[in-house]
Amino acid sequence: MGVSSDLPATPGLLPRKIRAGTSDMTTGPAMTREEAKKAIEVGIETARDLVAAGNKALLTGEMGIANTTASAALISVFTGADPAEVTGRGTGINDETLARKTEVVRRALELHQPDPADPIGVLAAVGGFEHAAIVGLLLGGASLRTPVILDGVSAGAAALVARAIAPEVLAACIAGHRSAEPGHVAALNKLGLRPWSTSTSASAKAPAPSWPSRWSRARPGPCTRWRPSTRRESPKSRPAAVPTRSACEVSPGGTGGHSRPPIRTCGGRGGAPGFATGRTGKSPHPPRRPHRTRA
């Protein structure tokens, strides 16, 4: 989307370039409002294509250097935290570079004075194309009732933007892990998401190398099959729908009502809010037999 050079045709690679990188956010907007909308719509279309191809869950991810700076700016806007509290070392920068990075975030926010009530405007001012695409992927996945796993601080920053556009999107969000970036911690706390694992890697995007044993021992265990609940409820109890068209046309309050059955919370510690298990709410493990003692 924002790679500076033209990449050769590669199987599995989707060329969706908008332009060769964003602009310097300390001197002007990182992108235009129309570019931000276009990047969001790319994410929505990608989510639709992936789900149509049979994928039952989506995983966000991005690749880049210095994009944790833009992530810190977005997180600062939507959490109200000071830039120094949400700006981290990324791939392992030293104290001098960290101070300069924090100052860049502060200067950008002072220049644009972004309004969290205008999430598209915030995204255009201090975000990146990757953030906008992840916002679209979250909106698209949620509209199709497909869980989306958030990986890393950039995905957490994008989730804050997506929630400002349509609060219902959180029903589809799962925090895959918590990185060492302070901004990631702030974002997950603001979103109210509990991470499945913790990473101490210097990279803000690298997940933990092993799955925590407390999740593997959980009963009934993490859900691996997802589908809407078939339980019928009155129309008044149904949640508002997440937008399925252009995310840029949606007000922060969400719109509409459901034409599909409502979704319910998955049982067990490993569940995620807003989705039902592949079973009927029962534990996949058989009941334990009572312990017998000899006389």
C-alpha atoms as a PDB file:
ATOM      1  CA  MET A   1       0.000   0.000   0.000  1.00  0.00           C
ATOM      2  CA  GLY A   2       2.769   2.437   0.833  1.00  0.00           C
ATOM      3  CA  VAL A   3       5.942   0.682  -0.324  1.00  0.00           C
ATOM      4  CA  SER A   4       8.315   3.142  -1.991  1.00  0.00           C
ATOM      5  CA  SER A   5       9.191   0.839  -4.905  1.00  0.00           C
ATOM      6  CA  ASP A   6       7.175  -1.319  -7.277  1.00  0.00           C
ATOM      7  CA  LEU A   7       7.177  -4.942  -6.175  1.00  0.00           C
ATOM      8  CA  PRO A   8       7.273  -7.812  -8.681  1.00  0.00           C
ATOM      9  CA  ALA A   9       4.226 -10.003  -9.109  1.00  0.00           C
ATOM     10  CA  THR A  10       4.303 -12.666  -6.401  1.00  0.00           C
ATOM     11  CA  PRO A  11       1.726 -15.371  -5.584  1.00  0.00           C
ATOM     12  CA  GLY A  12      -0.246 -14.316  -2.526  1.00  0.00           C
ATOM     13  CA  LEU A  13       0.868 -10.674  -2.728  1.00  0.00           C
ATOM     14  CA  LEU A  14      -1.946  -8.192  -3.333  1.00  0.00           C
ATOM     15  CA  PRO A  15      -0.731  -4.920  -4.889  1.00  0.00           C
ATOM     16  CA  ARG A  16      -2.869  -2.171  -3.372  1.00  0.00           C
ATOM     17  CA  LYS A  17      -0.489   0.778  -3.551  1.00  0.00           C
ATOM     18  CA  ILE A  18      -1.948   4.175  -2.774  1.00  0.00           C
ATOM     19  CA  ARG A  19       1.324   6.077  -2.981  1.00  0.00           C
ATOM     20  CA  ALA A  20       4.976   5.658  -2.041  1.00  0.00           C
ATOM     21  CA  GLY A  21       4.702   6.205   1.696  1.00  0.00           C
ATOM     22  CA  THR A  22       2.985   8.777   3.858  1.00  0.00           C
ATOM     23  CA  SER A  23       4.134  12.372   4.368  1.00  0.00           C
ATOM     24  CA  ASP A  24       6.012  13.829   7.346  1.00  0.00           C
ATOM     25  CA  MET A  25       3.359  14.211  10.034  1.00  0.00           C
ATOM     26  CA  THR A  26       5.369  16.924  11.809  1.00  0.00           C
ATOM     27  CA  THR A  27       5.002  19.293   8.849  1.00  0.00           C
ATOM     28  CA  GLY A  28       1.557  18.318   7.517  1.00  0.00           C
ATOM     29  CA  PRO A  29      -1.005  15.502   7.376  1.00  0.00           C
ATOM     30  CA  ALA A  30       0.442  12.034   6.848  1.00  0.00           C
ATOM     31  CA  MET A  31      -2.156  11.430   4.127  1.00  0.00           C
ATOM     32  CA  THR A  32      -5.229  13.071   2.689  1.00  0.00           C
ATOM     33  CA  ARG A  33      -8.663  12.200   3.977  1.00  0.00           C
ATOM     34  CA  GLU A  34      -9.491  10.504   0.674  1.00  0.00           C
ATOM     35  CA  GLU A  35      -6.337   8.382   0.893  1.00  0.00           C
ATOM     36  CA  ALA A  36      -7.288   7.294   4.408  1.00  0.00           C
ATOM     37  CA  LYS A  37     -10.755   6.295   3.201  1.00  0.00           C
ATOM     38  CA  LYS A  38      -9.300   4.389   0.259  1.00  0.00           C
ATOM     39  CA  ALA A  39      -6.953   2.445   2.534  1.00  0.00           C
ATOM     40  CA  ILE A  40      -9.826   1.588   4.885  1.00  0.00           C
ATOM     41  CA  GLU A  41     -11.908   0.310   1.986  1.00  0.00           C
ATOM     42  CA  VAL A  42      -8.982  -1.864   0.854  1.00  0.00           C
ATOM     43  CA  GLY A  43      -9.048  -3.502   4.279  1.00  0.00           C
ATOM     44  CA  ILE A  44     -12.811  -4.044   4.144  1.00  0.00           C
ATOM     45  CA  GLU A  45     -12.600  -5.644   0.695  1.00  0.00           C
ATOM     46  CA  THR A  46      -9.718  -7.858   1.802  1.00  0.00           C
ATOM     47  CA  ALA A  47     -11.728  -9.106   4.787  1.00  0.00           C
ATOM     48  CA  ARG A  48     -14.673  -9.934   2.534  1.00  0.00           C
ATOM     49  CA  ASP A  49     -12.464 -11.824   0.082  1.00  0.00           C
ATOM     50  CA  LEU A  50     -10.764 -13.825   2.838  1.00  0.00           C
ATOM     51  CA  VAL A  51     -14.022 -14.807   4.503  1.00  0.00           C
ATOM     52  CA  ALA A  52     -15.583 -15.671   1.137  1.00  0.00           C
ATOM     53  CA  ALA A  53     -12.607 -17.968   0.533  1.00  0.00           C
ATOM     54  CA  GLY A  54     -13.552 -19.950   3.638  1.00  0.00           C
ATOM     55  CA  ASN A  55     -11.348 -18.409   6.336  1.00  0.00           C
ATOM     56  CA  LYS A  56     -12.946 -18.632   9.779  1.00  0.00           C
ATOM     57  CA  ALA A  57     -10.702 -16.072  11.493  1.00  0.00           C
ATOM     58  CA  LEU A  58      -8.505 -13.171  10.406  1.00  0.00           C
ATOM     59  CA  LEU A  59      -5.107 -12.099  11.736  1.00  0.00           C
ATOM     60  CA  THR A  60      -3.838  -8.546  11.484  1.00  0.00           C
ATOM     61  CA  GLY A  61      -0.187  -7.800  10.897  1.00  0.00           C
ATOM     62  CA  GLU A  62       2.078  -5.223   9.307  1.00  0.00           C
ATOM     63  CA  MET A  63       5.698  -4.721   8.390  1.00  0.00           C
ATOM     64  CA  GLY A  64       7.706  -1.538   8.571  1.00  0.00           C
ATOM     65  CA  ILE A  65      10.260   0.525  10.437  1.00  0.00           C
ATOM     66  CA  ALA A  66       9.266   3.595  12.485  1.00  0.00           C
ATOM     67  CA  ASN A  67       5.547   2.823  12.249  1.00  0.00           C
ATOM     68  CA  THR A  68       5.463   2.500  16.032  1.00  0.00           C
ATOM     69  CA  THR A  69       5.899   6.291  16.020  1.00  0.00           C
ATOM     70  CA  ALA A  70       2.606   6.751  14.187  1.00  0.00           C
ATOM     71  CA  SER A  71       1.050   4.095  16.430  1.00  0.00           C
ATOM     72  CA  ALA A  72       2.111   6.052  19.512  1.00  0.00           C
ATOM     73  CA  ALA A  73       0.512   9.194  18.086  1.00  0.00           C
ATOM     74  CA  LEU A  74      -2.793   7.413  17.430  1.00  0.00           C
ATOM     75  CA  ILE A  75      -2.803   5.793  20.860  1.00  0.00           C
ATOM     76  CA  SER A  76      -2.042   9.107  22.554  1.00  0.00           C
ATOM     77  CA  VAL A  77      -5.038  10.716  20.831  1.00  0.00           C
ATOM     78  CA  PHE A  78      -7.568   8.007  21.675  1.00  0.00           C
ATOM     79  CA  THR A  79      -6.383   7.255  25.217  1.00  0.00           C
ATOM     80  CA  GLY A  80      -5.522  10.793  26.262  1.00  0.00           C
ATOM     81  CA  ALA A  81      -2.110   9.632  27.476  1.00  0.00           C
ATOM     82  CA  ASP A  82       0.978  11.793  27.217  1.00  0.00           C
ATOM     83  CA  PRO A  83       3.263  10.858  24.280  1.00  0.00           C
ATOM     84  CA  ALA A  84       6.030   9.931  26.730  1.00  0.00           C
ATOM     85  CA  GLU A  85       3.747   7.302  28.288  1.00  0.00           C
ATOM     86  CA  VAL A  86       2.913   5.488  25.037  1.00  0.00           C
ATOM     87  CA  THR A  87       6.089   5.856  22.974  1.00  0.00           C
ATOM     88  CA  GLY A  88       8.402   2.858  23.215  1.00  0.00           C
ATOM     89  CA  ARG A  89      11.723   1.585  21.950  1.00  0.00           C
ATOM     90  CA  GLY A  90      10.347  -0.379  18.994  1.00  0.00           C
ATOM     91  CA  THR A  91      13.164  -2.564  17.707  1.00  0.00           C
ATOM     92  CA  GLY A  92      15.460  -1.527  20.557  1.00  0.00           C
ATOM     93  CA  ILE A  93      16.475   2.117  20.147  1.00  0.00           C
ATOM     94  CA  ASN A  94      18.680   3.854  22.722  1.00  0.00           C
ATOM     95  CA  ASP A  95      17.649   6.596  25.145  1.00  0.00           C
ATOM     96  CA  GLU A  96      18.658   9.446  22.840  1.00  0.00           C
ATOM     97  CA  THR A  97      16.657   8.083  19.928  1.00  0.00           C
ATOM     98  CA  LEU A  98      13.687   7.380  22.198  1.00  0.00           C
ATOM     99  CA  ALA A  99      13.679  11.003  23.353  1.00  0.00           C
ATOM    100  CA  ARG A 100      13.755  12.177  19.730  1.00  0.00           C
ATOM    101  CA  LYS A 101      10.971   9.752  18.808  1.00  0.00           C
ATOM    102  CA  THR A 102       8.800  11.023  21.662  1.00  0.00           C
ATOM    103  CA  GLU A 103       9.401  14.606  20.581  1.00  0.00           C
ATOM    104  CA  VAL A 104       8.296  13.755  17.027  1.00  0.00           C
ATOM    105  CA  VAL A 105       5.005  12.394  18.362  1.00  0.00           C
ATOM    106  CA  ARG A 106       4.513  15.466  20.550  1.00  0.00           C
ATOM    107  CA  ARG A 107       5.233  17.892  17.691  1.00  0.00           C
ATOM    108  CA  ALA A 108       2.805  16.104  15.377  1.00  0.00           C
ATOM    109  CA  LEU A 109       0.001  16.236  17.919  1.00  0.00           C
ATOM    110  CA  GLU A 110       0.649  19.897  18.693  1.00  0.00           C
ATOM    111  CA  LEU A 111       0.548  20.714  14.978  1.00  0.00           C
ATOM    112  CA  HIS A 112      -2.666  18.885  14.083  1.00  0.00           C
ATOM    113  CA  GLN A 113      -4.606  19.010  17.369  1.00  0.00           C
ATOM    114  CA  PRO A 114      -6.489  15.875  16.244  1.00  0.00           C
ATOM    115  CA  ASP A 115     -10.038  15.384  17.483  1.00  0.00           C
ATOM    116  CA  PRO A 116     -10.826  11.797  18.603  1.00  0.00           C
ATOM    117  CA  ALA A 117     -14.451  12.430  17.634  1.00  0.00           C
ATOM    118  CA  ASP A 118     -13.230  12.530  14.011  1.00  0.00           C
ATOM    119  CA  PRO A 119     -11.390   9.192  13.685  1.00  0.00           C
ATOM    120  CA  ILE A 120     -10.864   9.505   9.930  1.00  0.00           C
ATOM    121  CA  GLY A 121      -9.303  12.919  10.463  1.00  0.00           C
ATOM    122  CA  VAL A 122      -7.012  11.568  13.180  1.00  0.00           C
ATOM    123  CA  LEU A 123      -5.966   8.681  10.950  1.00  0.00           C
ATOM    124  CA  ALA A 124      -5.209  11.004   8.047  1.00  0.00           C
ATOM    125  CA  ALA A 125      -3.211  13.390  10.231  1.00  0.00           C
ATOM    126  CA  VAL A 126      -0.900  11.032  12.120  1.00  0.00           C
ATOM    127  CA  GLY A 127      -1.626   7.465  10.959  1.00  0.00           C
ATOM    128  CA  GLY A 128      -0.225   5.226   8.253  1.00  0.00           C
ATOM    129  CA  PHE A 129      -1.649   3.281   5.335  1.00  0.00           C
ATOM    130  CA  GLU A 130      -1.122   0.074   7.306  1.00  0.00           C
ATOM    131  CA  HIS A 131      -3.196   1.431  10.195  1.00  0.00           C
ATOM    132  CA  ALA A 132      -6.001   2.409   7.829  1.00  0.00           C
ATOM    133  CA  ALA A 133      -5.990  -1.004   6.151  1.00  0.00           C
ATOM    134  CA  ILE A 134      -6.177  -2.770   9.522  1.00  0.00           C
ATOM    135  CA  VAL A 135      -9.079  -0.502  10.494  1.00  0.00           C
ATOM    136  CA  GLY A 136     -10.883  -1.685   7.369  1.00  0.00           C
ATOM    137  CA  LEU A 137     -10.036  -5.322   8.047  1.00  0.00           C
ATOM    138  CA  LEU A 138     -11.510  -5.011  11.534  1.00  0.00           C
ATOM    139  CA  LEU A 139     -14.689  -3.365  10.259  1.00  0.00           C
ATOM    140  CA  GLY A 140     -15.047  -5.876   7.451  1.00  0.00           C
ATOM    141  CA  GLY A 141     -14.401  -8.875   9.674  1.00  0.00           C
ATOM    142  CA  ALA A 142     -16.826  -7.687  12.342  1.00  0.00           C
ATOM    143  CA  SER A 143     -19.552  -7.060   9.767  1.00  0.00           C
ATOM    144  CA  LEU A 144     -19.203 -10.703   8.697  1.00  0.00           C
ATOM    145  CA  ARG A 145     -19.112 -11.946  12.304  1.00  0.00           C
ATOM    146  CA  THR A 146     -15.603 -13.238  11.854  1.00  0.00           C
ATOM    147  CA  PRO A 147     -13.118 -12.946  14.743  1.00  0.00           C
ATOM    148  CA  VAL A 148     -10.037 -10.827  14.104  1.00  0.00           C
ATOM    149  CA  ILE A 149      -6.853 -11.389  16.110  1.00  0.00           C
ATOM    150  CA  LEU A 150      -4.878  -8.240  16.922  1.00  0.00           C
ATOM    151  CA  ASP A 151      -1.115  -8.668  16.699  1.00  0.00           C
ATOM    152  CA  GLY A 152       1.130  -5.917  17.996  1.00  0.00           C
ATOM    153  CA  VAL A 153       0.967  -2.248  18.868  1.00  0.00           C
ATOM    154  CA  SER A 154       0.023  -1.075  15.358  1.00  0.00           C
ATOM    155  CA  ALA A 155      -3.010  -3.356  15.333  1.00  0.00           C
ATOM    156  CA  GLY A 156      -3.948  -2.061  18.775  1.00  0.00           C
ATOM    157  CA  ALA A 157      -3.722   1.522  17.530  1.00  0.00           C
ATOM    158  CA  ALA A 158      -5.878   0.650  14.518  1.00  0.00           C
ATOM    159  CA  ALA A 159      -8.450  -1.001  16.784  1.00  0.00           C
ATOM    160  CA  LEU A 160      -8.826   2.273  18.681  1.00  0.00           C
ATOM    161  CA  VAL A 161      -9.624   4.030  15.401  1.00  0.00           C
ATOM    162  CA  ALA A 162     -12.047   1.286  14.351  1.00  0.00           C
ATOM    163  CA  ARG A 163     -13.850   1.465  17.685  1.00  0.00           C
ATOM    164  CA  ALA A 164     -14.241   5.228  17.316  1.00  0.00           C
ATOM    165  CA  ILE A 165     -15.887   4.624  13.926  1.00  0.00           C
ATOM    166  CA  ALA A 166     -18.113   1.734  15.058  1.00  0.00           C
ATOM    167  CA  PRO A 167     -17.988   0.662  18.731  1.00  0.00           C
ATOM    168  CA  GLU A 168     -19.573  -2.701  17.840  1.00  0.00           C
ATOM    169  CA  VAL A 169     -16.334  -3.766  16.159  1.00  0.00           C
ATOM    170  CA  LEU A 170     -14.919  -4.794  19.546  1.00  0.00           C
ATOM    171  CA  ALA A 171     -17.166  -7.867  19.519  1.00  0.00           C
ATOM    172  CA  ALA A 172     -14.868  -9.333  16.845  1.00  0.00           C
ATOM    173  CA  CYS A 173     -11.521  -8.308  18.353  1.00  0.00           C
ATOM    174  CA  ILE A 174      -9.209 -10.759  20.118  1.00  0.00           C
ATOM    175  CA  ALA A 175      -5.915  -9.591  21.629  1.00  0.00           C
ATOM    176  CA  GLY A 176      -3.408 -12.209  20.512  1.00  0.00           C
ATOM    177  CA  HIS A 177      -0.644 -10.959  22.768  1.00  0.00           C
ATOM    178  CA  ARG A 178       0.743  -7.957  24.625  1.00  0.00           C
ATOM    179  CA  SER A 179       4.114  -6.661  23.498  1.00  0.00           C
ATOM    180  CA  ALA A 180       6.706  -4.756  25.508  1.00  0.00           C
ATOM    181  CA  GLU A 181       5.609  -1.482  23.898  1.00  0.00           C
ATOM    182  CA  PRO A 182       3.969   0.798  26.511  1.00  0.00           C
ATOM    183  CA  GLY A 183       1.537   2.038  23.878  1.00  0.00           C
ATOM    184  CA  HIS A 184       0.280  -1.482  23.311  1.00  0.00           C
ATOM    185  CA  VAL A 185      -0.533  -1.864  26.993  1.00  0.00           C
ATOM    186  CA  ALA A 186      -2.394   1.475  26.975  1.00  0.00           C
ATOM    187  CA  ALA A 187      -4.339   0.540  23.839  1.00  0.00           C
ATOM    188  CA  LEU A 188      -5.456  -2.849  25.169  1.00  0.00           C
ATOM    189  CA  ASN A 189      -6.487  -1.301  28.485  1.00  0.00           C
ATOM    190  CA  LYS A 190      -8.548   1.330  26.676  1.00  0.00           C
ATOM    191  CA  LEU A 191     -10.156  -1.331  24.496  1.00  0.00           C
ATOM    192  CA  GLY A 192     -10.815  -3.552  27.499  1.00  0.00           C
ATOM    193  CA  LEU A 193      -9.157  -6.533  25.828  1.00  0.00           C
ATOM    194  CA  ARG A 194      -7.251  -9.186  27.756  1.00  0.00           C
ATOM    195  CA  PRO A 195      -4.238 -10.531  25.818  1.00  0.00           C
ATOM    196  CA  TRP A 196      -3.782 -14.265  25.449  1.00  0.00           C
ATOM    197  CA  SER A 197      -0.017 -14.052  25.914  1.00  0.00           C
ATOM    198  CA  THR A 198       2.787 -11.627  26.743  1.00  0.00           C
ATOM    199  CA  SER A 199       5.879 -10.932  24.657  1.00  0.00           C
ATOM    200  CA  THR A 200       9.119  -9.444  25.963  1.00  0.00           C
ATOM    201  CA  SER A 201      10.621  -9.194  22.485  1.00  0.00           C
ATOM    202  CA  ALA A 202      12.270  -5.925  21.472  1.00  0.00           C
ATOM    203  CA  SER A 203      10.179  -6.016  18.305  1.00  0.00           C
ATOM    204  CA  ALA A 204       6.776  -4.488  18.866  1.00  0.00           C
ATOM    205  CA  LYS A 205       5.236  -6.998  16.469  1.00  0.00           C
ATOM    206  CA  ALA A 206       6.738 -10.303  17.585  1.00  0.00           C
ATOM    207  CA  PRO A 207       4.396 -12.609  19.515  1.00  0.00           C
ATOM    208  CA  ALA A 208       5.499 -14.706  22.442  1.00  0.00           C
ATOM    209  CA  PRO A 209       7.365 -17.861  21.376  1.00  0.00           C
ATOM    210  CA  SER A 210       5.134 -20.233  23.330  1.00  0.00           C
ATOM    211  CA  TRP A 211       1.499 -20.384  24.331  1.00  0.00           C
ATOM    212  CA  PRO A 212       0.908 -19.821  28.062  1.00  0.00           C
ATOM    213  CA  SER A 213       0.131 -23.060  29.851  1.00  0.00           C
ATOM    214  CA  ARG A 214      -2.755 -21.507  31.770  1.00  0.00           C
ATOM    215  CA  TRP A 215      -4.697 -21.209  28.505  1.00  0.00           C
ATOM    216  CA  SER A 216      -3.893 -24.739  27.403  1.00  0.00           C
ATOM    217  CA  ARG A 217      -5.218 -26.051  30.736  1.00  0.00           C
ATOM    218  CA  ALA A 218      -8.379 -23.957  30.645  1.00  0.00           C
ATOM    219  CA  ARG A 219     -11.688 -25.840  30.637  1.00  0.00           C
ATOM    220  CA  PRO A 220     -13.580 -25.836  28.340  1.00  0.00           C
ATOM    221  CA  GLY A 221     -10.542 -24.408  26.637  1.00  0.00           C
ATOM    222  CA  PRO A 222      -9.968 -21.821  23.914  1.00  0.00           C
ATOM    223  CA  CYS A 223     -12.594 -21.829  21.185  1.00  0.00           C
ATOM    224  CA  THR A 224     -11.338 -23.055  17.838  1.00  0.00           C
ATOM    225  CA  ARG A 225     -14.637 -23.074  15.953  1.00  0.00           C
ATOM    226  CA  TRP A 226     -16.722 -19.937  15.573  1.00  0.00           C
ATOM    227  CA  ARG A 227     -20.219 -19.390  14.263  1.00  0.00           C
ATOM    228  CA  PRO A 228     -23.214 -17.160  14.998  1.00  0.00           C
ATOM    229  CA  SER A 229     -25.554 -18.442  17.662  1.00  0.00           C
ATOM    230  CA  THR A 230     -28.850 -19.910  16.473  1.00  0.00           C
ATOM    231  CA  ARG A 231     -30.577 -18.956  19.706  1.00  0.00           C
ATOM    232  CA  ARG A 232     -33.579 -16.747  18.953  1.00  0.00           C
ATOM    233  CA  GLU A 233     -34.088 -13.510  20.815  1.00  0.00           C
ATOM    234  CA  SER A 234     -36.430 -10.581  20.501  1.00  0.00           C
ATOM    235  CA  PRO A 235     -35.406  -7.857  18.014  1.00  0.00           C
ATOM    236  CA  LYS A 236     -35.028  -5.390  20.885  1.00  0.00           C
ATOM    237  CA  SER A 237     -32.193  -7.417  22.398  1.00  0.00           C
ATOM    238  CA  ARG A 238     -30.148  -7.509  19.219  1.00  0.00           C
ATOM    239  CA  PRO A 239     -27.001  -5.350  19.086  1.00  0.00           C
ATOM    240  CA  ALA A 240     -26.486  -2.632  16.516  1.00  0.00           C
ATOM    241  CA  ALA A 241     -24.845  -3.764  13.300  1.00  0.00           C
ATOM    242  CA  VAL A 242     -21.272  -3.034  12.302  1.00  0.00           C
ATOM    243  CA  PRO A 243     -21.114  -1.239   8.921  1.00  0.00           C
ATOM    244  CA  THR A 244     -20.633  -3.434   5.863  1.00  0.00           C
ATOM    245  CA  ARG A 245     -20.262  -0.717   3.254  1.00  0.00           C
ATOM    246  CA  SER A 246     -17.905   2.217   3.463  1.00  0.00           C
ATOM    247  CA  ALA A 247     -16.549   2.694   6.972  1.00  0.00           C
ATOM    248  CA  CYS A 248     -16.071   6.347   6.121  1.00  0.00           C
ATOM    249  CA  GLU A 249     -19.826   6.946   6.010  1.00  0.00           C
ATOM    250  CA  VAL A 250     -20.544   5.652   9.503  1.00  0.00           C
ATOM    251  CA  SER A 251     -21.087   7.847  12.525  1.00  0.00           C
ATOM    252  CA  PRO A 252     -19.343   6.960  15.816  1.00  0.00           C
ATOM    253  CA  GLY A 253     -22.597   5.629  17.201  1.00  0.00           C
ATOM    254  CA  GLY A 254     -23.045   2.813  14.670  1.00  0.00           C
ATOM    255  CA  THR A 255     -26.128   2.140  12.534  1.00  0.00           C
ATOM    256  CA  GLY A 256     -28.939  -0.190  11.744  1.00  0.00           C
ATOM    257  CA  GLY A 257     -30.163  -3.461  13.163  1.00  0.00           C
ATOM    258  CA  HIS A 258     -29.471  -7.120  12.524  1.00  0.00           C
ATOM    259  CA  SER A 259     -31.180  -9.295   9.951  1.00  0.00           C
ATOM    260  CA  ARG A 260     -29.241 -12.302  11.261  1.00  0.00           C
ATOM    261  CA  PRO A 261     -29.510 -14.078  14.626  1.00  0.00           C
ATOM    262  CA  PRO A 262     -27.730 -12.333  17.507  1.00  0.00           C
ATOM    263  CA  ILE A 263     -24.389 -13.550  18.710  1.00  0.00           C
ATOM    264  CA  ARG A 264     -23.589 -14.541  22.259  1.00  0.00           C
ATOM    265  CA  THR A 265     -20.574 -14.875  24.442  1.00  0.00           C
ATOM    266  CA  CYS A 266     -18.458 -17.996  24.091  1.00  0.00           C
ATOM    267  CA  GLY A 267     -18.203 -20.063  27.251  1.00  0.00           C
ATOM    268  CA  GLY A 268     -14.955 -20.819  29.036  1.00  0.00           C
ATOM    269  CA  ARG A 269     -11.895 -18.791  29.907  1.00  0.00           C
ATOM    270  CA  GLY A 270     -10.543 -19.145  26.397  1.00  0.00           C
ATOM    271  CA  GLY A 271     -13.601 -17.587  24.765  1.00  0.00           C
ATOM    272  CA  ALA A 272     -13.873 -14.216  23.116  1.00  0.00           C
ATOM    273  CA  PRO A 273     -16.795 -11.825  23.640  1.00  0.00           C
ATOM    274  CA  GLY A 274     -19.398 -11.686  20.923  1.00  0.00           C
ATOM    275  CA  PHE A 275     -19.047 -15.147  19.387  1.00  0.00           C
ATOM    276  CA  ALA A 276     -20.525 -18.570  20.016  1.00  0.00           C
ATOM    277  CA  THR A 277     -18.710 -21.869  20.125  1.00  0.00           C
ATOM    278  CA  GLY A 278     -19.037 -24.609  17.546  1.00  0.00           C
ATOM    279  CA  ARG A 279     -20.902 -26.606  20.178  1.00  0.00           C
ATOM    280  CA  THR A 280     -24.103 -25.700  21.983  1.00  0.00           C
ATOM    281  CA  GLY A 281     -22.483 -23.940  24.903  1.00  0.00           C
ATOM    282  CA  LYS A 282     -21.416 -27.231  26.481  1.00  0.00           C
ATOM    283  CA  SER A 283     -17.882 -28.111  27.455  1.00  0.00           C
ATOM    284  CA  PRO A 284     -16.026 -30.220  24.863  1.00  0.00           C
ATOM    285  CA  HIS A 285     -14.569 -32.280  27.716  1.00  0.00           C
ATOM    286  CA  PRO A 286     -16.526 -35.205  29.215  1.00  0.00           C
ATOM    287  CA  PRO A 287     -17.486 -34.910  32.907  1.00  0.00           C
ATOM    288  CA  ARG A 288     -15.054 -36.404  35.351  1.00  0.00           C
ATOM    289  CA  ARG A 289     -16.070 -39.636  37.068  1.00  0.00           C
ATOM    290  CA  PRO A 290     -16.443 -39.420  40.864  1.00  0.00           C
ATOM    291  CA  HIS A 291     -13.488 -40.743  42.817  1.00  0.00           C
ATOM    292  CA  ARG A 292     -14.203 -44.086  44.442  1.00  0.00           C
ATOM    293  CA  THR A 293     -12.661 -45.245  47.691  1.00  0.00           C
ATOM    294  CA  ARG A 294     -12.453 -48.768  48.964  1.00  0.00           C
ATOM    295  CA  ALA A 295     -13.897 -49.628  52.349  1.00  0.00           C
END
